[in-house]
Protein backbone atom coordinates (compact mmCIF):
# COMPACT_ATOMS: atom_id res chain seq x y z
CA MET A 1 1.84 2.83 10.20
CA ARG A 2 0.61 3.12 6.80
CA ASN A 3 -1.93 5.90 6.22
CA ALA A 4 -3.25 4.66 3.20
CA GLY A 5 -3.84 5.93 -0.28
CA LEU A 6 -5.83 7.65 -3.08
CA LEU A 7 -8.06 5.65 -4.81
CA LEU A 8 -8.49 6.14 -8.73
CA ALA A 9 -10.98 3.47 -9.51
CA ALA A 10 -13.75 3.35 -11.29
CA ALA A 11 -15.68 4.09 -8.21
CA ALA A 12 -13.76 7.10 -6.64
CA LEU A 13 -10.76 8.70 -5.54
CA VAL A 14 -9.12 8.09 -2.01
CA ALA A 15 -6.69 10.38 -0.63
CA VAL A 16 -5.24 10.00 2.64
CA ALA A 17 -3.55 11.84 5.55
CA GLY A 18 -3.44 12.00 9.23
CA GLY A 19 -3.90 8.52 9.49
CA VAL A 20 -7.61 8.46 7.79
CA VAL A 21 -8.25 7.31 4.66
CA TRP A 22 -11.27 9.10 2.90
CA ALA A 23 -13.02 8.56 -0.05
CA SER A 24 -14.51 11.67 -2.29
CA GLY A 25 -15.45 12.26 -5.58
CA LEU A 26 -18.21 9.33 -5.54
CA THR A 27 -21.19 10.20 -7.92
CA SER A 28 -24.28 8.77 -7.60
CA SER A 29 -23.59 6.02 -9.89
CA GLY A 30 -20.07 5.43 -8.94
CA ASP A 31 -18.14 7.00 -11.51
CA SER A 32 -15.54 9.92 -10.83
CA GLY A 33 -16.19 11.34 -14.24
CA ASN A 34 -16.26 14.87 -14.11
CA GLY A 35 -18.06 14.85 -10.67
CA ALA A 36 -21.50 14.93 -11.85
CA GLY A 37 -24.32 13.74 -9.31
CA THR A 38 -24.50 13.45 -5.91
CA ALA A 39 -21.31 11.93 -3.95
CA PRO A 40 -22.10 9.50 -1.33
CA THR A 41 -20.84 9.60 2.26
CA PRO A 42 -17.17 9.24 2.20
CA ALA A 43 -15.74 6.25 3.12
CA VAL A 44 -13.26 5.99 6.02
CA LEU A 45 -10.62 3.58 7.06
CA VAL A 46 -8.71 4.11 10.28
CA GLY A 47 -5.11 2.83 10.26
CA SER A 48 -3.71 1.16 13.36
CA SER A 49 -1.17 2.26 15.94
CA PRO A 50 2.45 0.97 14.55
CA PRO A 51 3.72 -1.49 16.51
CA PRO A 52 6.71 -0.45 18.75
CA VAL A 53 10.40 -1.76 18.18
CA GLY A 54 10.55 -5.12 19.74
CA GLY A 55 7.02 -5.38 20.42
CA THR A 56 3.68 -6.58 18.76
CA PRO A 57 1.30 -4.73 16.56
CA ALA A 58 -1.90 -3.35 18.74
CA PRO A 59 -4.86 -2.57 16.04
CA THR A 60 -7.12 0.31 17.11
CA ARG A 61 -10.73 -1.00 17.16
CA ALA A 62 -10.35 -3.09 14.21
CA THR A 63 -13.98 -3.96 13.61
CA PRO A 64 -15.53 -6.28 10.90
CA PRO A 65 -15.77 -4.34 7.45
CA PRO A 66 -19.57 -3.71 6.68
CA THR A 67 -22.13 -6.43 5.16
CA ALA A 68 -20.65 -6.64 1.74
CA ALA A 69 -22.95 -4.55 -0.82
CA PRO A 70 -24.43 -6.08 -4.11
CA ALA A 71 -21.69 -7.09 -6.34
CA GLY A 72 -20.59 -3.71 -8.05
CA THR A 73 -21.93 -1.43 -5.48
CA PRO A 74 -19.27 0.81 -4.17
CA VAL A 75 -18.81 1.06 -0.40
CA THR A 76 -19.54 3.95 1.65
CA ALA A 77 -20.12 3.23 5.09
CA ALA A 78 -17.25 3.90 7.13
CA PHE A 79 -14.98 1.11 8.39
CA GLU A 80 -12.04 0.32 9.98
CA LEU A 81 -8.87 -1.67 8.76
CA PRO A 82 -5.55 -1.73 10.28
CA ILE A 83 -2.44 -1.15 7.32
CA PHE A 84 1.11 -1.84 8.84
CA MET A 85 4.39 -0.22 7.03
CA TYR A 86 7.71 -2.31 7.54
CA HIS A 87 11.18 -1.65 5.69
CA HIS A 88 13.38 -3.94 6.80
CA VAL A 89 13.31 -7.36 8.59
CA SER A 90 16.68 -8.84 9.65
CA PRO A 91 17.56 -11.11 12.54
CA ALA A 92 19.96 -8.07 13.99
CA PHE A 93 19.89 -4.46 13.94
CA PRO A 94 22.27 -2.66 11.84
CA ALA A 95 25.26 -0.41 12.85
CA ASP A 96 23.74 2.68 10.93
CA GLN A 97 21.00 3.88 13.06
CA LEU A 98 18.82 5.40 10.26
CA THR A 99 18.63 1.63 8.89
CA ALA A 100 18.22 0.18 12.13
CA ASN A 101 15.34 2.83 12.93
CA LEU A 102 13.68 1.16 9.66
CA THR A 103 14.30 -2.20 10.68
CA VAL A 104 12.05 -5.20 13.00
CA LEU A 105 13.72 -8.13 14.00
CA THR A 106 12.87 -11.45 12.36
CA SER A 107 12.01 -12.90 15.90
CA ASP A 108 9.70 -9.73 17.05
CA PHE A 109 8.14 -10.09 13.27
CA GLU A 110 7.31 -13.45 13.66
CA ASP A 111 6.20 -12.57 16.96
CA GLN A 112 3.68 -9.80 15.49
CA LEU A 113 2.65 -12.60 12.66
CA ALA A 114 1.79 -14.93 15.19
CA TYR A 115 -0.16 -12.49 17.32
CA LEU A 116 -2.45 -11.47 14.02
CA LYS A 117 -3.07 -14.99 13.38
CA CYS A 118 -4.01 -15.86 16.74
CA ALA A 119 -6.21 -12.58 17.18
CA GLY A 120 -8.12 -13.90 13.68
CA TYR A 121 -6.56 -11.42 11.58
CA THR A 122 -6.47 -12.42 7.63
CA GLY A 123 -4.01 -10.59 5.42
CA ILE A 124 -5.41 -9.32 2.75
CA THR A 125 -3.99 -7.06 -0.40
CA VAL A 126 -4.28 -3.40 -1.34
CA ARG A 127 -6.06 -5.02 -4.53
CA GLN A 128 -8.85 -6.43 -2.54
CA LEU A 129 -8.90 -3.50 -0.01
CA PHE A 130 -9.61 -1.29 -3.46
CA ASP A 131 -11.93 -3.71 -4.96
CA HIS A 132 -14.09 -3.99 -1.85
CA ILE A 133 -14.22 0.06 -1.99
CA SER A 134 -14.86 0.38 -5.66
CA ASN A 135 -17.59 -2.75 -6.18
CA GLY A 136 -18.37 -4.40 -3.00
CA ALA A 137 -16.17 -7.29 -3.05
CA ALA A 138 -16.25 -9.08 0.09
CA LEU A 139 -13.46 -8.90 2.66
CA PRO A 140 -12.88 -11.32 5.97
CA ALA A 141 -14.26 -10.68 9.15
CA ARG A 142 -10.81 -9.00 10.18
CA PRO A 143 -8.71 -8.22 7.23
CA VAL A 144 -5.10 -6.65 7.67
CA ILE A 145 -2.57 -5.41 5.17
CA LEU A 146 1.08 -5.57 5.72
CA THR A 147 3.15 -3.13 3.62
CA PHE A 148 7.07 -3.47 2.77
CA ASP A 149 8.56 -0.41 1.39
CA ASP A 150 11.81 0.30 -0.95
CA GLY A 151 12.49 -3.36 -2.24
CA TYR A 152 15.11 -4.11 0.14
CA ASP A 153 16.61 -7.85 -0.40
CA ASP A 154 15.31 -8.87 3.28
CA ALA A 155 11.69 -8.45 2.14
CA TYR A 156 12.93 -12.18 0.31
CA THR A 157 15.18 -13.64 3.12
CA GLY A 158 13.48 -12.31 6.07
CA ALA A 159 9.95 -11.61 5.64
CA MET A 160 8.62 -13.58 3.03
CA PRO A 161 9.68 -16.90 4.43
CA LEU A 162 7.41 -16.06 7.80
CA LEU A 163 4.68 -14.81 5.99
CA GLN A 164 4.19 -18.04 3.97
CA LYS A 165 4.44 -19.63 6.93
CA TYR A 166 1.65 -17.73 8.82
CA GLY A 167 -0.19 -17.66 5.22
CA ILE A 168 -0.41 -13.87 5.08
CA THR A 169 0.15 -11.99 1.66
CA GLY A 170 2.43 -9.13 2.12
CA SER A 171 2.51 -6.02 -0.26
CA PHE A 172 5.98 -4.86 -1.53
CA ALA A 173 6.44 -1.17 -3.10
CA ILE A 174 9.56 -1.73 -5.03
CA ILE A 175 11.83 1.13 -5.93
CA THR A 176 12.74 0.07 -9.57
CA GLY A 177 16.09 1.65 -10.13
CA PHE A 178 17.26 0.37 -7.35
CA VAL A 179 16.90 -3.50 -8.27
CA GLU A 180 19.87 -5.03 -9.44
CA GLY A 181 21.77 -2.40 -7.73
CA GLY A 182 23.36 -4.87 -5.33
CA GLY A 183 23.86 -4.08 -1.40
CA PRO A 184 20.57 -4.56 0.26
CA TYR A 185 17.86 -4.46 -2.94
CA LEU A 186 16.19 -7.06 -4.02
CA SER A 187 16.81 -8.85 -8.06
CA TRP A 188 14.35 -9.24 -10.52
CA ALA A 189 14.37 -12.76 -10.05
CA GLN A 190 13.50 -12.11 -6.25
CA ILE A 191 10.85 -9.99 -6.88
CA LYS A 192 9.43 -12.51 -9.58
CA SER A 193 9.59 -15.38 -7.23
CA MET A 194 7.51 -13.06 -4.73
CA ALA A 195 4.73 -12.39 -7.12
CA GLY A 196 4.66 -16.31 -8.03
CA ALA A 197 4.52 -16.99 -4.41
CA GLY A 198 1.29 -14.65 -4.07
CA MET A 199 3.02 -11.53 -2.69
CA GLU A 200 1.52 -8.31 -4.18
CA VAL A 201 3.96 -6.03 -5.71
CA MET A 202 3.20 -2.15 -6.23
CA SER A 203 5.56 0.59 -7.76
CA HIS A 204 7.35 3.19 -5.49
CA SER A 205 8.73 5.09 -8.03
CA VAL A 206 12.17 4.53 -9.91
CA SER A 207 14.19 6.55 -7.67
CA HIS A 208 12.44 7.62 -4.73
CA PRO A 209 12.18 11.61 -5.20
CA ASP A 210 9.45 14.05 -3.80
CA LEU A 211 6.51 13.56 -6.47
CA GLY A 212 5.36 17.11 -4.72
CA THR A 213 8.37 19.26 -5.39
CA SER A 214 9.56 17.26 -8.71
CA ASP A 215 8.27 19.06 -11.89
CA ASP A 216 5.46 17.25 -13.94
CA SER A 217 7.99 15.54 -16.43
CA THR A 218 9.95 14.03 -13.68
CA VAL A 219 6.59 12.75 -12.00
CA ARG A 220 5.36 11.22 -15.07
CA ASP A 221 8.67 9.25 -15.79
CA GLN A 222 9.20 8.40 -12.24
CA ILE A 223 5.38 6.79 -12.14
CA SER A 224 5.17 5.60 -15.60
CA VAL A 225 8.71 4.00 -15.90
CA SER A 226 8.58 2.30 -13.14
CA LYS A 227 5.18 0.95 -13.58
CA ALA A 228 6.21 -0.26 -17.09
CA ALA A 229 9.26 -2.12 -15.80
CA LEU A 230 7.32 -4.17 -12.99
CA GLU A 231 5.08 -5.18 -15.75
CA GLN A 232 7.56 -6.01 -18.14
CA HIS A 233 9.29 -8.24 -15.56
CA LEU A 234 6.28 -9.74 -13.82
CA GLY A 235 3.85 -10.39 -17.15
CA GLY A 236 1.02 -8.91 -14.91
CA GLN A 237 -0.42 -5.44 -14.36
CA VAL A 238 0.44 -3.21 -11.58
CA GLU A 239 -2.10 -1.16 -10.37
CA PHE A 240 -0.68 0.69 -7.03
CA LEU A 241 1.61 2.95 -6.09
CA VAL A 242 3.42 4.14 -2.81
CA TYR A 243 4.20 7.60 -2.36
CA PRO A 244 7.82 7.89 -1.66
CA SER A 245 8.16 9.71 1.72
CA GLY A 246 4.24 10.64 1.46
CA GLU A 247 4.53 13.17 -1.08
CA PRO A 248 2.53 15.43 -1.93
CA PHE A 249 0.20 14.44 0.50
CA ARG A 250 2.58 15.54 3.50
CA SER A 251 3.84 18.96 2.78
CA ASN A 252 2.29 20.39 -0.46
CA THR A 253 -0.52 22.25 -1.34
CA VAL A 254 -4.09 20.53 -2.13
CA GLU A 255 -3.47 21.57 -5.85
CA ARG A 256 -0.51 19.75 -6.16
CA GLN A 257 -1.69 16.66 -4.57
CA GLN A 258 -4.89 16.82 -7.26
CA GLN A 259 -2.07 17.22 -10.29
CA VAL A 260 -0.16 14.13 -9.30
CA VAL A 261 -3.48 12.37 -8.63
CA GLN A 262 -4.24 13.11 -12.56
CA MET A 263 -0.77 12.21 -13.75
CA LEU A 264 -1.30 8.93 -11.51
CA LYS A 265 -4.88 8.27 -12.91
CA ALA A 266 -3.24 9.05 -16.94
CA ALA A 267 -0.54 6.13 -16.00
CA GLY A 268 -3.42 3.97 -15.41
CA TYR A 269 -2.70 3.27 -11.68
CA ARG A 270 -5.91 2.44 -9.55
CA GLY A 271 -4.75 4.03 -6.65
CA ALA A 272 -1.93 4.75 -4.08
CA LEU A 273 -0.65 4.49 -0.78
CA LEU A 274 0.77 7.29 1.52
CA ALA A 275 4.06 5.76 3.29
């Protein structure tokens, strides 16, 4: 399961923990600014249960999003939207137990996509979700987000062909320092091909450090250098980041969380997801 992130759009700041997404820092005008004004009721999104190994996803209480507000109006009413997290999609489990624990078999992944399609779900991007929260952009009746962490090469060979087969967009978080590293990681050509095929590309830092315990200079470098590398190779803006290991939102202080949020905002991100 992906628990989801932190929104730094013009409308709000979204932070995530414990499977619940909430929006805070919303002013009456929809600006985060200095917090002036009256904050509306937070928007809450409840993530789905993760699919068991070899099983199909089981979204919890997947209800349609609220009726779209007039364009430009932030969404503040609660709604639920499943966000699934994957790492490896492979035809067989590897011998390494850690990697095996992060692997979904290609056949099972196809079963999961077929289930979602049959159940009437429509894959959306993280950008579409943030657009919906920040300005009321319309979402399909049963949206779902599929995310893929780290930038492994089976994202290109295993996941993307099936996503295309079922007409579902995936959102891929890339550790940019590992690109072209050989072994299990993607090349820039593959990432560019994925983006050209309509897949969403997000940052996952340069080398996957703990952003909660790293010093400020390291955090700034990790988030800005990865963003710049992706934008340079893809020729477009990268607006979202996935926190490596979910930090600082898993084991750090609220103060540190707020500091990292501000650094993300300064680096030009609209938002981030908690892994």
